[in-house]
Protein backbone atom coordinates (compact mmCIF):
# COMPACT_ATOMS: atom_id res chain seq x y z
CA MET A 1 53.76 42.51 66.13
CA SER A 2 53.66 39.80 63.84
CA GLY A 3 51.25 37.99 64.99
CA MET A 4 49.24 40.30 66.68
CA PHE A 5 48.25 41.51 62.89
CA GLU A 6 48.06 38.24 61.73
CA GLN A 7 45.56 37.59 64.20
CA LYS A 8 43.60 40.33 63.74
CA SER A 9 43.50 40.14 59.86
CA ASP A 10 42.12 36.62 60.67
CA LYS A 11 39.17 38.20 62.03
CA ALA A 12 38.81 40.69 59.79
CA THR A 13 38.75 38.17 56.62
CA ARG A 14 36.18 35.98 58.74
CA LYS A 15 34.08 39.08 58.93
CA LEU A 16 34.23 40.11 55.56
CA GLU A 17 33.55 36.41 54.14
CA ARG A 18 30.15 36.74 57.08
CA THR A 19 29.45 39.94 55.01
CA GLN A 20 29.86 38.47 51.35
CA LYS A 21 27.66 35.53 51.98
CA GLU A 22 25.36 37.75 53.71
CA GLU A 23 24.68 39.66 50.71
CA GLN A 24 24.76 36.73 48.66
CA ALA A 25 21.75 35.32 50.39
CA ARG A 26 20.12 38.36 50.25
CA LYS A 27 20.35 38.73 46.18
CA LYS A 28 19.09 34.89 46.17
CA SER A 29 16.25 35.98 48.27
CA ARG A 30 15.46 38.90 45.91
CA ILE A 31 15.73 36.97 42.91
CA ARG A 32 13.81 34.18 44.21
CA ILE A 33 10.93 37.15 44.81
CA ILE A 34 11.34 38.61 41.72
CA VAL A 35 11.03 35.09 39.88
CA ILE A 36 7.80 34.65 41.95
CA ILE A 37 6.38 37.92 40.68
CA SER A 38 7.69 37.03 37.23
CA VAL A 39 5.78 33.88 37.29
CA LEU A 40 2.53 35.63 39.10
CA LEU A 41 2.46 38.45 36.49
CA VAL A 42 2.63 35.87 33.74
CA VAL A 43 -0.10 33.74 35.45
CA THR A 44 -2.20 36.38 35.74
CA THR A 45 -1.19 38.05 32.54
CA LEU A 46 -2.52 34.53 30.57
CA ALA A 47 -5.20 34.14 32.99
CA ILE A 48 -6.33 37.79 32.00
CA LEU A 49 -6.01 37.05 28.19
CA VAL A 50 -7.53 33.41 28.61
CA ASN A 51 -10.61 35.32 30.05
CA SER A 52 -10.45 38.27 27.55
CA ASN A 53 -13.31 38.12 25.12
CA PHE A 54 -11.79 40.95 23.23
CA ILE A 55 -8.22 38.95 23.14
CA ARG A 56 -9.85 35.78 22.01
CA ARG A 57 -11.57 37.62 19.09
CA THR A 58 -8.59 39.12 18.36
CA LEU A 59 -5.34 37.43 18.42
CA PRO A 60 -4.38 35.16 15.77
CA VAL A 61 -4.11 31.55 16.97
CA ILE A 62 -3.28 29.95 13.38
CA THR A 63 -2.94 31.16 10.23
CA ILE A 64 -3.42 29.27 6.76
CA ASP A 65 -2.25 30.88 3.62
CA SER A 66 -2.71 34.35 4.30
CA VAL A 67 -5.74 33.89 6.44
CA SER A 68 -5.76 34.43 10.24
CA PHE A 69 -7.98 32.97 12.65
CA SER A 70 -8.56 33.88 16.27
CA THR A 71 -9.42 31.55 19.15
CA THR A 72 -13.16 32.31 18.84
CA GLU A 73 -12.97 31.47 14.96
CA PHE A 74 -11.05 28.30 15.43
CA GLU A 75 -13.23 26.75 17.90
CA TYR A 76 -16.44 27.94 16.19
CA PHE A 77 -14.81 25.37 13.47
CA PHE A 78 -13.96 22.88 15.98
CA ASN A 79 -17.13 22.74 18.20
CA SER A 80 -19.17 22.54 14.08
CA GLU A 81 -16.93 19.54 13.08
CA TYR A 82 -17.48 17.97 16.52
CA PHE A 83 -21.40 18.54 16.55
CA GLU A 84 -21.60 17.66 13.34
CA TYR A 85 -19.53 14.28 13.42
CA THR A 86 -21.29 13.34 16.96
CA ASN A 87 -24.64 13.96 15.41
CA PHE A 88 -24.29 11.88 12.26
CA MET A 89 -22.96 8.80 14.45
CA SER A 90 -25.99 9.45 16.73
CA GLN A 91 -28.20 8.87 13.86
CA PHE A 92 -26.26 5.37 12.64
CA GLN A 93 -25.53 3.95 16.09
CA GLY A 94 -23.12 1.30 15.96
CA PHE A 95 -21.49 3.07 12.64
CA GLY A 96 -18.31 4.47 14.66
CA ALA A 97 -16.97 5.29 17.89
CA VAL A 98 -18.11 8.68 19.46
CA PRO A 99 -16.27 10.56 22.34
CA ASP A 100 -17.39 10.29 25.85
CA THR A 101 -19.21 13.79 26.48
CA ASN A 102 -18.11 14.08 29.87
CA ARG A 103 -14.31 14.01 29.27
CA PRO A 104 -11.83 16.18 28.06
CA LEU A 105 -11.47 15.16 24.63
CA ALA A 106 -7.28 15.16 25.20
CA SER A 107 -7.81 12.57 27.63
CA GLN A 108 -9.46 10.06 25.49
CA ILE A 109 -7.96 7.81 22.77
CA GLN A 110 -9.29 7.54 19.72
CA ASP A 111 -7.33 5.86 17.46
CA PHE A 112 -5.21 3.05 19.73
CA ALA A 113 -2.85 2.35 17.01
CA THR A 114 -1.01 5.62 16.99
CA GLY A 115 -2.25 6.91 20.18
CA ALA A 116 -4.10 9.87 18.82
CA THR A 117 -6.42 11.39 21.16
CA TRP A 118 -10.11 12.45 19.78
CA ALA A 119 -8.96 16.42 20.51
CA ASP A 120 -6.33 15.27 17.91
CA PHE A 121 -9.05 13.81 15.45
CA PHE A 122 -11.17 16.67 15.31
CA TYR A 123 -8.24 19.02 15.38
CA ASP A 124 -7.06 17.37 12.32
CA SER A 125 -10.60 17.42 10.57
CA THR A 126 -11.35 21.12 11.76
CA ILE A 127 -7.88 22.02 10.18
CA SER A 128 -8.61 20.06 6.54
CA ARG A 129 -11.82 21.95 6.54
CA MET A 130 -10.52 25.60 7.46
CA GLY A 131 -8.00 24.75 5.22
CA THR A 132 -10.37 24.29 2.24
CA LEU A 133 -12.40 27.38 2.87
CA ALA A 134 -8.75 29.19 3.42
CA THR A 135 -7.77 28.38 -0.25
CA LEU A 136 -11.53 29.01 -1.84
CA TYR A 137 -11.43 32.18 0.01
CA THR A 138 -8.13 33.51 -1.11
CA ALA A 139 -8.58 32.23 -4.53
CA ALA A 140 -11.60 34.39 -4.55
CA LYS A 141 -10.33 37.31 -3.16
CA GLU A 142 -6.84 36.87 -6.16
CA ALA A 143 -10.02 36.89 -8.59
CA GLY A 144 -11.67 39.59 -7.30
CA PHE A 145 -14.92 37.57 -6.32
CA GLU A 146 -16.90 39.40 -3.65
CA LEU A 147 -20.61 38.36 -2.25
CA THR A 148 -23.33 39.56 -4.37
CA GLN A 149 -26.14 42.21 -2.52
CA GLN A 150 -28.47 39.06 -2.30
CA GLN A 151 -25.94 37.03 -0.52
CA LEU A 152 -25.42 39.63 1.86
CA ASP A 153 -28.83 39.65 2.17
CA GLU A 154 -29.20 36.23 2.86
CA ILE A 155 -26.71 36.81 6.11
CA ASP A 156 -28.43 39.85 7.29
CA ASP A 157 -31.35 37.04 6.95
CA GLU A 158 -29.61 34.79 9.24
CA LEU A 159 -28.93 36.66 11.66
CA GLU A 160 -32.26 38.18 11.96
CA MET A 161 -33.84 34.17 12.21
CA TYR A 162 -30.94 34.20 15.55
CA GLY A 163 -32.23 37.10 16.77
CA PHE A 164 -35.93 36.44 16.51
CA GLN A 165 -34.80 32.94 18.14
CA ALA A 166 -33.12 34.95 21.15
CA MET A 167 -36.30 36.62 21.76
CA PHE A 168 -38.44 33.34 21.78
CA SER A 169 -36.04 31.65 23.59
CA GLY A 170 -35.72 33.96 26.47
CA PHE A 171 -32.32 35.39 25.56
CA PRO A 172 -31.84 39.18 26.53
CA ASN A 173 -30.34 39.57 22.89
CA LEU A 174 -28.47 38.06 19.99
CA ASP A 175 -24.84 38.10 21.26
CA SER A 176 -25.98 36.00 24.61
CA LEU A 177 -27.63 33.55 22.27
CA LEU A 178 -24.67 33.42 20.29
CA GLN A 179 -22.22 32.97 23.47
CA HIS A 180 -24.80 30.29 24.17
CA LEU A 181 -24.43 28.29 20.95
CA TYR A 182 -20.94 28.96 19.85
CA GLY A 183 -18.79 30.03 23.19
CA SER A 184 -18.27 32.68 25.62
CA SER A 185 -16.39 35.00 23.01
CA MET A 186 -18.65 34.63 20.59
CA ASN A 187 -20.43 37.91 19.06
CA GLN A 188 -22.64 39.15 16.56
CA ARG A 189 -19.59 41.08 14.41
CA THR A 190 -17.61 38.08 14.73
CA PHE A 191 -20.61 35.48 13.75
CA ARG A 192 -21.35 37.46 11.03
CA SER A 193 -17.27 37.54 9.64
CA ILE A 194 -17.41 34.15 9.78
CA LEU A 195 -20.71 33.58 7.66
CA GLU A 196 -19.32 35.99 5.11
CA PHE A 197 -16.22 34.01 4.86
CA VAL A 198 -18.27 30.65 4.65
CA THR A 199 -20.48 32.31 2.36
CA LEU A 200 -17.87 34.06 -0.13
CA ALA A 201 -15.51 30.52 -0.02
CA GLY A 202 -18.80 28.27 -1.00
CA ALA A 203 -19.78 30.79 -3.37
CA TYR A 204 -16.41 31.11 -5.30
CA ASN A 205 -16.41 26.92 -5.19
CA GLU A 206 -20.03 27.03 -6.67
CA HIS A 207 -18.89 29.68 -9.31
CA VAL A 208 -15.86 27.86 -10.36
CA ARG A 209 -17.56 24.61 -10.40
CA GLU A 210 -20.58 26.05 -12.75
CA SER A 211 -17.70 27.95 -15.17
CA PHE A 212 -17.32 24.47 -16.71
CA THR A 213 -19.27 23.88 -19.78
CA PHE A 214 -19.45 21.03 -22.54
CA SER A 215 -21.21 20.41 -26.01
CA GLU A 216 -24.62 18.47 -25.95
CA ASP A 217 -22.07 15.73 -28.15
CA GLU A 218 -19.63 15.82 -25.42
CA LEU A 219 -22.42 14.95 -22.92
CA ILE A 220 -24.71 12.35 -25.33
CA GLY A 221 -20.89 10.74 -25.79
CA HIS A 222 -20.33 10.72 -22.31
CA TYR A 223 -23.94 9.02 -20.95
CA ASN A 224 -23.64 6.54 -23.82
CA GLU A 225 -19.74 5.10 -22.70
CA ASN A 226 -21.12 5.26 -19.36
CA ARG A 227 -24.34 3.29 -19.70
CA ASP A 228 -23.96 0.51 -17.64
CA GLU A 229 -23.70 2.74 -14.69
CA LEU A 230 -25.96 5.09 -15.53
CA ASP A 231 -28.82 3.67 -16.83
CA VAL A 232 -32.48 2.54 -14.66
CA ILE A 233 -33.08 -1.11 -14.96
CA ASN A 234 -36.79 -2.27 -14.40
CA TYR A 235 -37.30 -5.56 -13.35
CA ARG A 236 -39.11 -8.13 -10.72
CA GLN A 237 -37.67 -10.14 -8.18
CA PHE A 238 -39.12 -12.59 -5.27
CA ILE A 239 -36.94 -15.21 -3.43
CA VAL A 240 -38.18 -18.73 -3.06
CA TYR A 241 -36.53 -19.63 0.48
CA VAL A 242 -35.21 -22.86 1.61
CA ASP A 243 -37.10 -24.14 4.44
CA PHE A 244 -34.33 -23.71 7.21
CA GLU A 245 -37.06 -24.77 10.23
CA ALA A 246 -36.83 -28.19 8.83
CA LEU A 247 -33.08 -28.30 9.65
CA GLU A 248 -33.43 -27.50 13.08
CA GLY A 249 -32.30 -30.08 15.91
CA ILE A 250 -29.57 -31.47 13.45
CA GLU A 251 -26.45 -31.66 15.81
CA ASP A 252 -24.12 -33.02 13.55
CA ASP A 253 -21.83 -31.01 11.25
CA GLU A 254 -21.74 -32.93 8.31
CA GLU A 255 -25.55 -34.12 8.96
CA PHE A 256 -26.14 -30.54 8.53
CA GLU A 257 -24.13 -29.32 5.56
CA GLU A 258 -25.77 -32.52 4.14
CA ALA A 259 -29.59 -31.74 4.53
CA ILE A 260 -28.27 -27.70 3.99
CA TYR A 261 -27.35 -28.76 0.63
CA GLU A 262 -30.44 -30.95 -0.11
CA ALA A 263 -32.54 -28.36 0.97
CA ALA A 264 -31.08 -25.65 -1.50
CA ILE A 265 -31.38 -28.21 -3.93
CA ALA A 266 -34.96 -28.32 -3.46
CA THR A 267 -35.52 -24.80 -3.12
CA ARG A 268 -34.00 -24.43 -6.65
CA THR A 269 -36.06 -27.17 -8.09
CA GLU A 270 -39.22 -25.52 -6.68
CA ALA A 271 -38.22 -22.12 -7.84
CA GLU A 272 -37.50 -23.45 -11.60
CA SER A 273 -40.95 -25.10 -11.38
CA ILE A 274 -42.30 -21.78 -10.94
CA ALA A 275 -40.55 -19.91 -13.25
CA ALA A 276 -41.80 -22.39 -16.11
CA GLY A 277 -44.70 -21.45 -15.85
CA ILE A 278 -44.40 -17.58 -16.36
CA THR A 279 -44.78 -16.19 -19.70
CA ASN A 280 -45.38 -12.49 -19.07
CA GLU A 281 -45.48 -10.21 -15.91
CA ASP A 282 -48.63 -10.72 -14.89
CA ASP A 283 -47.58 -14.65 -14.86
CA PHE A 284 -45.31 -13.39 -12.25
CA ILE A 285 -47.40 -11.48 -10.28
CA THR A 286 -49.51 -13.82 -10.01
CA ALA A 287 -47.04 -16.62 -9.03
CA ALA A 288 -45.38 -14.28 -6.76
CA ARG A 289 -48.74 -13.76 -4.57
CA ASN A 290 -49.42 -17.59 -4.71
CA TYR A 291 -46.50 -18.45 -3.28
CA SER A 292 -46.26 -16.32 -0.57
CA GLU A 293 -49.10 -13.17 1.07
CA ILE A 294 -45.87 -10.89 1.69
CA ASN A 295 -46.07 -10.59 -2.24
CA SER A 296 -49.34 -9.64 -2.50
CA ASP A 297 -48.94 -6.31 -3.29
CA PRO A 298 -48.12 -5.92 -6.87
CA ASP A 299 -45.58 -3.64 -6.84
CA SER A 300 -43.50 -5.86 -3.87
CA THR A 301 -41.67 -7.71 -6.25
CA LEU A 302 -40.79 -4.54 -8.69
CA ARG A 303 -37.86 -3.00 -8.41
CA MET A 304 -35.96 -0.16 -9.94
CA ASN A 305 -32.13 0.26 -10.02
CA GLN A 306 -29.51 2.26 -11.24
CA ALA A 307 -27.18 -0.06 -13.24
CA GLY A 308 -24.13 0.60 -11.34
CA ARG A 309 -25.64 -0.04 -8.58
CA LEU A 310 -27.17 -3.35 -9.30
CA ASP A 311 -26.39 -6.77 -6.87
CA ALA A 312 -23.40 -8.40 -8.64
CA ASP A 313 -25.10 -11.71 -8.84
CA ILE A 314 -28.01 -10.30 -11.16
CA GLY A 315 -26.22 -7.16 -12.86
CA PRO A 316 -24.42 -8.83 -15.55
CA TRP A 317 -27.21 -10.85 -16.59
CA LEU A 318 -29.76 -7.70 -16.40
CA LEU A 319 -27.02 -5.77 -18.08
CA HIS A 320 -26.50 -8.14 -21.37
CA GLU A 321 -26.79 -6.63 -24.70
CA SER A 322 -28.83 -9.76 -25.42
CA ARG A 323 -31.86 -8.48 -23.01
CA ARG A 324 -35.45 -8.50 -23.86
CA ALA A 325 -38.23 -7.94 -21.95
CA GLY A 326 -39.97 -10.77 -20.60
CA ASP A 327 -36.61 -12.65 -19.88
CA PHE A 328 -36.13 -14.82 -16.85
CA ILE A 329 -33.61 -16.43 -14.61
CA VAL A 330 -33.62 -18.29 -11.41
CA ILE A 331 -30.38 -17.50 -9.03
CA ASP A 332 -29.29 -18.92 -5.84
CA THR A 333 -29.16 -16.65 -2.81
CA GLU A 334 -27.56 -17.56 0.56
CA GLN A 335 -31.76 -17.18 1.46
CA GLY A 336 -32.82 -19.69 -1.25
CA SER A 337 -33.29 -18.89 -4.96
CA SER A 338 -34.57 -15.73 -6.72
CA ILE A 339 -36.94 -15.70 -9.70
CA ASN A 340 -35.71 -12.43 -11.84
CA LEU A 341 -37.84 -11.13 -14.73
CA PHE A 342 -36.40 -8.38 -16.81
CA ILE A 343 -38.78 -5.59 -17.93
CA SER A 344 -36.84 -2.33 -19.69
CA ARG A 345 -33.86 -0.38 -19.94
CA ASP A 346 -34.14 2.81 -19.56
CA ASP A 347 -31.60 5.35 -21.08
CA ASN A 348 -33.02 8.58 -19.76
CA SER A 349 -33.07 10.34 -22.72
CA TYR A 350 -36.39 12.00 -21.56
CA PRO A 351 -36.58 15.92 -20.04
CA THR A 352 -37.53 16.05 -17.19
CA VAL A 353 -41.04 17.81 -15.85
CA GLY A 354 -42.03 20.54 -13.85
CA MET A 355 -45.51 21.24 -12.11
CA ARG A 356 -47.82 23.12 -9.27
CA GLN A 357 -49.72 21.93 -6.98
CA LEU A 358 -52.66 22.50 -4.22
CA LEU A 359 -52.59 19.33 -1.91
CA PHE A 360 -55.72 18.43 0.10
CA LEU A 361 -53.88 16.32 3.14
CA ARG A 362 -56.05 13.48 4.07
CA GLU A 363 -56.66 13.61 7.80
CA GLN A 364 -54.89 11.17 9.68
CA VAL A 365 -57.38 8.17 10.94
CA GLN A 366 -55.30 5.87 13.23
CA ALA A 367 -56.60 2.38 13.42
CA ALA A 368 -54.69 2.13 16.74
CA ASP A 369 -57.70 4.57 17.89
CA PHE A 370 -60.49 1.71 17.49
CA PRO A 371 -60.89 -1.50 19.34
CA ALA A 372 -60.98 -4.03 16.44
CA GLY A 373 -58.35 -1.85 14.80
CA GLU A 374 -58.54 -1.71 10.92
CA ASN A 375 -61.41 -4.04 10.85
CA ASP A 376 -63.64 -2.03 13.42
CA PRO A 377 -66.52 -0.95 11.14
CA ALA A 378 -66.40 2.45 13.52
CA TYR A 379 -62.66 2.64 11.69
CA ILE A 380 -64.33 2.08 8.29
CA ALA A 381 -66.70 4.53 8.83
CA ALA A 382 -64.43 7.16 10.11
CA LEU A 383 -61.89 6.79 6.94
CA GLU A 384 -65.11 6.98 4.52
CA HIS A 385 -66.23 10.04 6.18
CA ALA A 386 -62.71 11.84 6.20
CA ASP A 387 -62.49 11.04 2.18
CA ASN A 388 -65.50 12.67 2.09
CA GLU A 389 -64.75 15.70 3.38
CA LEU A 390 -61.61 15.52 1.78
CA ARG A 391 -62.76 15.35 -1.40
CA GLU A 392 -65.83 17.96 -1.40
CA ARG A 393 -63.42 20.35 -0.67
CA ALA A 394 -61.00 19.40 -3.24
CA GLU A 395 -63.50 19.53 -5.46
CA TYR A 396 -64.87 23.12 -4.24
CA VAL A 397 -61.66 25.13 -4.34
CA HIS A 398 -61.08 22.87 -8.21
CA SER A 399 -64.64 24.74 -8.93
CA LEU A 400 -62.82 27.96 -7.92
CA PHE A 401 -60.20 27.48 -9.94
CA ILE A 402 -61.94 26.59 -12.90
CA ALA A 403 -64.00 29.77 -12.41
CA ALA A 404 -60.54 31.75 -12.05
CA GLY A 405 -59.68 30.56 -15.82
CA GLY A 406 -57.84 27.42 -15.13
CA THR A 407 -54.44 29.41 -15.39
CA GLU A 408 -51.19 29.46 -13.33
CA ASP A 409 -52.22 32.49 -11.79
CA ALA A 410 -55.03 30.96 -11.04
CA LEU A 411 -54.05 28.27 -8.75
CA ILE A 412 -51.00 30.32 -7.05
CA SER A 413 -53.78 32.83 -5.84
CA LEU A 414 -55.62 29.63 -4.15
CA ILE A 415 -52.50 27.64 -3.00
CA ASP A 416 -51.67 30.53 -0.13
CA GLU A 417 -55.20 30.01 1.63
CA HIS A 418 -56.08 26.19 0.60
CA SER A 419 -53.17 23.96 -0.14
CA ASP A 420 -51.60 21.50 3.08
CA ASP A 421 -48.72 21.38 0.88
CA ASN A 422 -46.00 24.62 2.14
CA THR A 423 -43.44 24.39 -0.61
CA GLU A 424 -43.31 28.07 -2.13
CA GLY A 425 -46.17 28.58 -4.52
CA GLY A 426 -46.27 24.62 -4.72
CA TYR A 427 -43.54 24.53 -7.55
CA TYR A 428 -41.89 21.57 -7.99
CA SER A 429 -39.22 21.08 -11.14
CA ASP A 430 -36.85 18.40 -12.32
CA ILE A 431 -39.01 15.30 -11.61
CA ALA A 432 -37.84 12.10 -13.38
CA LYS A 433 -39.13 8.52 -13.13
CA PHE A 434 -36.38 7.81 -11.46
CA PRO A 435 -34.79 9.83 -8.26
CA TYR A 436 -31.15 10.05 -9.69
CA GLN A 437 -28.72 12.16 -7.02
CA SER A 438 -25.33 11.94 -7.41
CA GLY A 439 -22.65 15.42 -6.71
CA TYR A 440 -24.91 18.63 -7.25
CA LEU A 441 -27.80 16.82 -9.24
CA ASN A 442 -31.14 16.30 -7.28
CA VAL A 443 -33.97 15.12 -9.36
CA MET A 444 -37.20 13.93 -7.68
CA LYS A 445 -39.66 11.20 -7.86
CA VAL A 446 -43.26 11.26 -6.91
CA VAL A 447 -45.91 9.03 -6.30
CA PRO A 448 -46.82 7.06 -9.10
CA GLU A 449 -50.42 8.27 -9.70
CA ILE A 450 -49.18 12.03 -10.31
CA GLU A 451 -46.24 10.67 -12.17
CA ASP A 452 -48.36 8.79 -14.56
CA TRP A 453 -50.23 11.84 -14.91
CA LEU A 454 -47.27 13.88 -15.64
CA PHE A 455 -45.73 12.08 -18.34
CA ALA A 456 -49.16 10.50 -20.13
CA PRO A 457 -48.43 11.15 -23.84
CA GLY A 458 -49.76 14.29 -25.22
CA ARG A 459 -48.76 16.32 -21.82
CA ASN A 460 -49.16 20.06 -22.73
CA ILE A 461 -48.26 23.22 -20.57
CA GLY A 462 -51.40 24.29 -19.22
CA ASP A 463 -53.27 21.07 -18.64
CA SER A 464 -54.55 20.93 -14.82
CA GLU A 465 -56.55 17.99 -13.33
CA LEU A 466 -57.61 17.12 -9.78
CA VAL A 467 -55.53 13.42 -9.09
CA TYR A 468 -56.35 11.50 -6.14
CA THR A 469 -53.55 9.42 -4.36
CA SER A 470 -53.57 6.55 -1.98
CA ASP A 471 -50.85 8.16 0.18
CA PHE A 472 -51.50 12.10 0.80
CA GLY A 473 -54.97 12.35 -0.63
CA TYR A 474 -56.17 14.96 -3.53
CA HIS A 475 -53.78 16.75 -5.86
CA LEU A 476 -54.99 19.80 -7.97
CA LEU A 477 -52.34 19.53 -10.66
CA TYR A 478 -51.21 22.24 -12.92
CA PHE A 479 -48.04 21.23 -16.30
CA THR A 480 -45.88 23.86 -16.23
CA GLY A 481 -43.46 22.66 -18.58
CA PHE A 482 -40.27 20.48 -19.56
CA GLY A 483 -37.02 20.80 -18.39
CA ARG A 484 -33.58 19.08 -19.90
CA GLN A 485 -33.44 15.91 -20.84
CA LEU A 486 -32.19 13.85 -18.24
CA ASN A 487 -29.30 11.86 -19.44
CA GLU A 488 -27.35 15.24 -20.41
CA MET A 489 -28.09 16.02 -16.78
CA ILE A 490 -26.73 13.54 -15.59
CA ALA A 491 -23.52 13.59 -17.49
CA GLU A 492 -23.12 17.06 -17.11
CA ASP A 493 -22.64 16.77 -13.14
CA ARG A 494 -20.60 14.06 -13.45
CA LEU A 495 -18.64 15.67 -15.89
CA ARG A 496 -18.21 19.10 -13.79
CA THR A 497 -17.77 17.03 -10.99
CA GLN A 498 -14.59 15.50 -12.79
CA GLU A 499 -13.30 19.11 -14.27
CA HIS A 500 -14.24 20.59 -10.62
CA ASN A 501 -12.09 17.49 -8.92
CA ALA A 502 -9.17 18.30 -10.70
CA TRP A 503 -9.07 22.09 -10.30
CA MET A 504 -9.58 21.59 -6.27
CA SER A 505 -6.32 19.26 -6.29
CA THR A 506 -4.32 22.18 -7.89
CA GLN A 507 -5.28 24.48 -5.13
CA THR A 508 -3.11 23.47 -2.53
CA HIS A 509 -3.13 25.63 0.82
CA SER A 510 0.19 25.99 3.32
CA HIS A 511 0.89 24.28 6.52
CA PRO A 512 -0.89 25.67 9.22
CA VAL A 513 0.96 27.98 11.48
CA ARG A 514 0.44 27.76 14.71
CA HIS A 515 0.80 31.09 16.97
CA PHE A 516 1.78 31.86 20.57
CA ALA A 517 -1.87 32.50 21.06
CA PHE A 518 -2.96 29.11 20.19
CA ILE A 519 -2.71 28.33 23.98
CA LEU A 520 -5.76 30.19 24.65
CA VAL A 521 -7.69 27.36 22.23
CA HIS A 522 -10.09 24.83 24.31
CA MET A 523 -10.71 21.90 22.58
């Protein structure tokens, strides 16, 4: 009995074990199926998310301070950084490396020392720009600063411009153009929000910068303390060159060095001999012309530089307090010996000026279009014919101006119909004798013929004249008045920039926080 029972019990046990194994296998199979289905669901969901323009425009992918950016917005700034960098580098070939446009940025090393890719490089610059904008935007909101109606209208105008571009470029609507330019998820609403964000940040930045004020004494004091950087130095210079052709064929190093030394001494002696005969500026112009035909134009030797940008070899001499008009010096250079004549030092203590102009632009007559070039009689005749026609047109419109009273309003009424200048109203302000450009300050310099008229002693508001310039043609000029002292404008720009930079250094933003949705970003 007991043996039979034990045998039946063993069979039952084996059957139970087999049943349990089969059940475990079915459970594993069900788990695998569930896992596979779950993975497929996740992949499908991610695919839907990636391809959902609504999700790309809505879900935050990164937050800086209290400002969250969607995929569409981040990609806009990222692509802006990319295009600005590559466009800049294309203008200055050899200035720096650029990524291969045919390969993913993440697969290209930008910095071999760190292993950073081009995707890393543009991500960092994008975050830096977005961080600055977010900081300014947040500060503006906290200060209750809002866009003006004019700024909102300018955004409307920009969108309208894009609309015209879409129409003339064959796009069915504005959204399609924006998607072509900025990605498939971009639309007018998102683009406008980006413009408003950037405009508000920029407007508040400008508001803060303009809020710093300085007294006249502060401005003059700052300028005088920094004259060796800010004054304008006028001088003449031409180089007496070493005869390097005479050194060709010398193969022995010691012999070549000795020949170079002797040639430099000979060049220095020649330059000093030329300089000994110079007593004034006219002598300098004549000596330069006699030395080489490349100096045939009197202006070819004229130099005008801001003091802080003078070359190290000539700067200290030009800026010395004992320097007087007519002083000269010979300085050795790598090419030979330069002869330098000091003319003047300008402390910019004069007012800028403004004008309106009605421009009569000379018709282009190309010497290359004639068999004998500039010496071709037909070319010379064509030039004379073009100048005669231009003069007749200019004199006719000038007569209309005089007949209408010779006023500013009279000139404005003629500009739209007759001027070849597309500047609104032909108006120019902040004209100076030197094109000072620094920070936010941008004063312009005009051609010598117009500058001489504008800055002539006794110039008064309402003065007008028809002036001929060799570069352009005829200009019907009207003097609109005087602006601020240039030295005060320069000092104010520098001081304001310093104060603004100090303020910006206190405006730090939090570390960017990436959200899960950042997986949607294409870099």
